[in-house]
Amino acid sequence: MPRRPHATTSVAIDRMNETALDPAAMGRLAKALVFICGAEHPTTVALKAAAASGSERDIKNARTLFMRLKPGDRRAALAMLSD
């Protein structure tokens, strides 16, 4: 029987698909990704840039890169935000 994803995590990812994160949340997400993926990872850099500038283009790029992360990395980052 396949494992089902944790309900809270899948809801958070679904919410990210629907809504944009505010710059402060992107900054916190970037800090979590520094720990998970490293400071040089393109997603981490994009999230930091989006948090700093707040521009629609940077936010869209950061969100796209975040959604391309491995599911485990996304869940870990979102779990660190909820702590």
N, C-alpha and C. Protein backbone atom coordinates (compact mmCIF):
# COMPACT_ATOMS: atom_id res chain seq x y z
N MET A 1 0.85 -1.18 0.00
CA MET A 1 0.00 0.00 0.00
C MET A 1 0.89 1.24 0.00
N PRO A 2 0.70 2.16 -0.93
CA PRO A 2 1.55 3.35 -0.99
C PRO A 2 1.30 4.29 0.18
N ARG A 3 2.37 4.97 0.59
CA ARG A 3 2.24 5.94 1.67
C ARG A 3 1.54 7.18 1.16
N ARG A 4 0.69 7.71 1.96
CA ARG A 4 0.00 8.96 1.62
C ARG A 4 0.77 10.11 2.23
N PRO A 5 0.91 11.21 1.52
CA PRO A 5 1.63 12.36 2.09
C PRO A 5 0.88 12.93 3.28
N HIS A 6 1.63 13.54 4.13
CA HIS A 6 1.06 14.18 5.31
C HIS A 6 0.07 15.25 4.86
N ALA A 7 -1.10 15.25 5.41
CA ALA A 7 -2.18 16.13 4.96
C ALA A 7 -1.80 17.61 5.04
N THR A 8 -1.16 18.02 6.14
CA THR A 8 -0.81 19.41 6.32
C THR A 8 0.19 19.87 5.26
N THR A 9 1.17 19.01 4.97
CA THR A 9 2.18 19.37 3.98
C THR A 9 1.57 19.52 2.60
N SER A 10 0.71 18.58 2.22
CA SER A 10 0.12 18.67 0.88
C SER A 10 -0.79 19.89 0.77
N VAL A 11 -1.45 20.27 1.85
CA VAL A 11 -2.28 21.47 1.84
C VAL A 11 -1.41 22.70 1.66
N ALA A 12 -0.26 22.74 2.34
CA ALA A 12 0.63 23.89 2.22
C ALA A 12 1.17 24.01 0.80
N ILE A 13 1.52 22.88 0.18
CA ILE A 13 2.01 22.91 -1.19
C ILE A 13 0.89 23.33 -2.13
N ASP A 14 -0.34 22.82 -1.90
CA ASP A 14 -1.47 23.23 -2.73
C ASP A 14 -1.72 24.72 -2.60
N ARG A 15 -1.59 25.25 -1.39
CA ARG A 15 -1.78 26.69 -1.20
C ARG A 15 -0.73 27.48 -1.94
N MET A 16 0.49 26.94 -1.97
CA MET A 16 1.55 27.65 -2.69
C MET A 16 1.24 27.66 -4.18
N ASN A 17 0.60 26.61 -4.69
CA ASN A 17 0.21 26.60 -6.09
C ASN A 17 -0.82 27.68 -6.38
N GLU A 18 -1.68 27.98 -5.41
CA GLU A 18 -2.78 28.90 -5.62
C GLU A 18 -2.43 30.36 -5.36
N THR A 19 -1.61 30.60 -4.37
CA THR A 19 -1.36 31.98 -3.95
C THR A 19 0.13 32.30 -3.96
N ALA A 20 0.42 33.56 -4.05
CA ALA A 20 1.81 34.01 -3.97
C ALA A 20 2.17 34.23 -2.52
N LEU A 21 3.42 33.98 -2.19
CA LEU A 21 3.90 34.23 -0.84
C LEU A 21 4.32 35.69 -0.73
N ASP A 22 4.16 36.26 0.46
CA ASP A 22 4.62 37.61 0.67
C ASP A 22 6.15 37.60 0.79
N PRO A 23 6.80 38.73 0.57
CA PRO A 23 8.27 38.77 0.62
C PRO A 23 8.87 38.29 1.94
N ALA A 24 8.21 38.55 3.05
CA ALA A 24 8.74 38.09 4.34
C ALA A 24 8.75 36.57 4.41
N ALA A 25 7.68 35.93 3.93
CA ALA A 25 7.62 34.47 3.93
C ALA A 25 8.67 33.89 2.99
N MET A 26 8.91 34.56 1.87
CA MET A 26 9.95 34.09 0.94
C MET A 26 11.32 34.19 1.59
N GLY A 27 11.54 35.22 2.39
CA GLY A 27 12.81 35.34 3.11
C GLY A 27 13.00 34.21 4.10
N ARG A 28 11.93 33.86 4.82
CA ARG A 28 12.02 32.74 5.77
C ARG A 28 12.23 31.42 5.04
N LEU A 29 11.56 31.26 3.90
CA LEU A 29 11.72 30.06 3.09
C LEU A 29 13.14 29.96 2.56
N ALA A 30 13.72 31.09 2.17
CA ALA A 30 15.11 31.10 1.70
C ALA A 30 16.07 30.65 2.80
N LYS A 31 15.83 31.10 4.03
CA LYS A 31 16.68 30.68 5.15
C LYS A 31 16.58 29.18 5.38
N ALA A 32 15.38 28.62 5.24
CA ALA A 32 15.21 27.18 5.40
C ALA A 32 15.95 26.44 4.28
N LEU A 33 15.88 26.96 3.07
CA LEU A 33 16.55 26.31 1.95
C LEU A 33 18.06 26.41 2.02
N VAL A 34 18.60 27.42 2.69
CA VAL A 34 20.04 27.49 2.90
C VAL A 34 20.48 26.25 3.66
N PHE A 35 19.71 25.88 4.66
CA PHE A 35 20.02 24.69 5.45
C PHE A 35 19.84 23.41 4.65
N ILE A 36 18.79 23.33 3.84
CA ILE A 36 18.45 22.11 3.12
C ILE A 36 19.28 21.94 1.85
N CYS A 37 19.35 22.98 1.02
CA CYS A 37 19.98 22.89 -0.30
C CYS A 37 21.32 23.60 -0.40
N GLY A 38 21.56 24.57 0.47
CA GLY A 38 22.80 25.34 0.41
C GLY A 38 22.54 26.76 -0.07
N ALA A 39 23.45 27.65 0.29
CA ALA A 39 23.29 29.07 -0.03
C ALA A 39 23.47 29.35 -1.51
N GLU A 40 24.19 28.50 -2.23
CA GLU A 40 24.47 28.72 -3.65
C GLU A 40 23.41 28.12 -4.57
N HIS A 41 22.46 27.38 -4.01
CA HIS A 41 21.43 26.73 -4.83
C HIS A 41 20.60 27.80 -5.54
N PRO A 42 20.29 27.59 -6.83
CA PRO A 42 19.54 28.61 -7.58
C PRO A 42 18.19 28.99 -6.96
N THR A 43 17.51 28.03 -6.34
CA THR A 43 16.23 28.33 -5.72
C THR A 43 16.42 29.24 -4.51
N THR A 44 17.44 28.96 -3.73
CA THR A 44 17.73 29.79 -2.56
C THR A 44 18.05 31.22 -2.98
N VAL A 45 18.89 31.35 -4.00
CA VAL A 45 19.27 32.68 -4.50
C VAL A 45 18.03 33.41 -5.02
N ALA A 46 17.18 32.70 -5.76
CA ALA A 46 15.98 33.33 -6.32
C ALA A 46 15.02 33.77 -5.22
N LEU A 47 14.86 32.96 -4.18
CA LEU A 47 13.97 33.33 -3.08
C LEU A 47 14.51 34.55 -2.34
N LYS A 48 15.83 34.61 -2.15
CA LYS A 48 16.42 35.78 -1.49
C LYS A 48 16.20 37.04 -2.32
N ALA A 49 16.38 36.91 -3.63
CA ALA A 49 16.19 38.06 -4.52
C ALA A 49 14.73 38.51 -4.50
N ALA A 50 13.81 37.56 -4.51
CA ALA A 50 12.38 37.90 -4.48
C ALA A 50 12.01 38.57 -3.16
N ALA A 51 12.58 38.08 -2.07
CA ALA A 51 12.29 38.68 -0.76
C ALA A 51 12.84 40.11 -0.69
N ALA A 52 14.00 40.32 -1.30
CA ALA A 52 14.62 41.65 -1.24
C ALA A 52 13.92 42.65 -2.16
N SER A 53 13.58 42.23 -3.38
CA SER A 53 13.02 43.18 -4.34
C SER A 53 11.50 43.27 -4.27
N GLY A 54 10.84 42.13 -4.06
CA GLY A 54 9.39 42.12 -4.04
C GLY A 54 8.76 42.27 -5.41
N SER A 55 9.58 42.25 -6.47
CA SER A 55 9.03 42.43 -7.81
C SER A 55 8.29 41.17 -8.27
N GLU A 56 7.28 41.39 -9.07
CA GLU A 56 6.44 40.28 -9.55
C GLU A 56 7.26 39.26 -10.33
N ARG A 57 8.20 39.74 -11.12
CA ARG A 57 9.04 38.84 -11.92
C ARG A 57 9.91 37.95 -11.04
N ASP A 58 10.55 38.54 -10.01
CA ASP A 58 11.39 37.77 -9.10
C ASP A 58 10.56 36.76 -8.32
N ILE A 59 9.38 37.16 -7.89
CA ILE A 59 8.51 36.27 -7.13
C ILE A 59 8.08 35.09 -7.99
N LYS A 60 7.71 35.36 -9.22
CA LYS A 60 7.28 34.28 -10.13
C LYS A 60 8.43 33.31 -10.38
N ASN A 61 9.63 33.83 -10.60
CA ASN A 61 10.79 32.98 -10.83
C ASN A 61 11.10 32.12 -9.61
N ALA A 62 11.09 32.72 -8.43
CA ALA A 62 11.38 31.99 -7.20
C ALA A 62 10.34 30.90 -6.96
N ARG A 63 9.09 31.23 -7.18
CA ARG A 63 8.01 30.25 -6.98
C ARG A 63 8.15 29.07 -7.95
N THR A 64 8.49 29.37 -9.21
CA THR A 64 8.68 28.31 -10.20
C THR A 64 9.83 27.40 -9.80
N LEU A 65 10.95 27.98 -9.39
CA LEU A 65 12.09 27.17 -8.98
C LEU A 65 11.77 26.36 -7.73
N PHE A 66 11.02 26.94 -6.80
CA PHE A 66 10.65 26.21 -5.60
C PHE A 66 9.79 24.99 -5.94
N MET A 67 8.86 25.17 -6.86
CA MET A 67 7.99 24.05 -7.24
C MET A 67 8.75 22.96 -8.00
N ARG A 68 9.91 23.28 -8.56
CA ARG A 68 10.73 22.29 -9.27
C ARG A 68 11.64 21.50 -8.33
N LEU A 69 11.73 21.92 -7.06
CA LEU A 69 12.53 21.17 -6.09
C LEU A 69 11.96 19.78 -5.91
N LYS A 70 12.80 18.88 -5.41
CA LYS A 70 12.30 17.55 -5.08
C LYS A 70 11.23 17.69 -4.01
N PRO A 71 10.20 16.86 -4.07
CA PRO A 71 9.11 16.97 -3.09
C PRO A 71 9.60 16.92 -1.64
N GLY A 72 10.58 16.11 -1.36
CA GLY A 72 11.10 16.02 0.00
C GLY A 72 11.74 17.31 0.47
N ASP A 73 12.44 17.97 -0.43
CA ASP A 73 13.06 19.26 -0.09
C ASP A 73 11.99 20.33 0.14
N ARG A 74 10.96 20.33 -0.70
CA ARG A 74 9.86 21.29 -0.50
C ARG A 74 9.19 21.07 0.84
N ARG A 75 8.87 19.81 1.14
CA ARG A 75 8.19 19.50 2.42
C ARG A 75 9.06 19.90 3.60
N ALA A 76 10.36 19.63 3.51
CA ALA A 76 11.27 19.97 4.61
C ALA A 76 11.31 21.48 4.84
N ALA A 77 11.39 22.24 3.75
CA ALA A 77 11.41 23.70 3.88
C ALA A 77 10.13 24.23 4.48
N LEU A 78 9.00 23.72 4.01
CA LEU A 78 7.71 24.18 4.54
C LEU A 78 7.54 23.75 5.99
N ALA A 79 8.06 22.58 6.35
CA ALA A 79 7.98 22.13 7.74
C ALA A 79 8.81 23.03 8.65
N MET A 80 9.95 23.50 8.15
CA MET A 80 10.78 24.40 8.95
C MET A 80 10.07 25.74 9.17
N LEU A 81 9.24 26.16 8.23
CA LEU A 81 8.49 27.39 8.39
C LEU A 81 7.42 27.26 9.47
N SER A 82 6.86 26.08 9.57
CA SER A 82 5.76 25.90 10.53
C SER A 82 6.25 25.74 11.96
N ASP A 83 7.56 25.50 12.14
CA ASP A 83 8.10 25.32 13.50
C ASP A 83 8.30 26.60 14.23
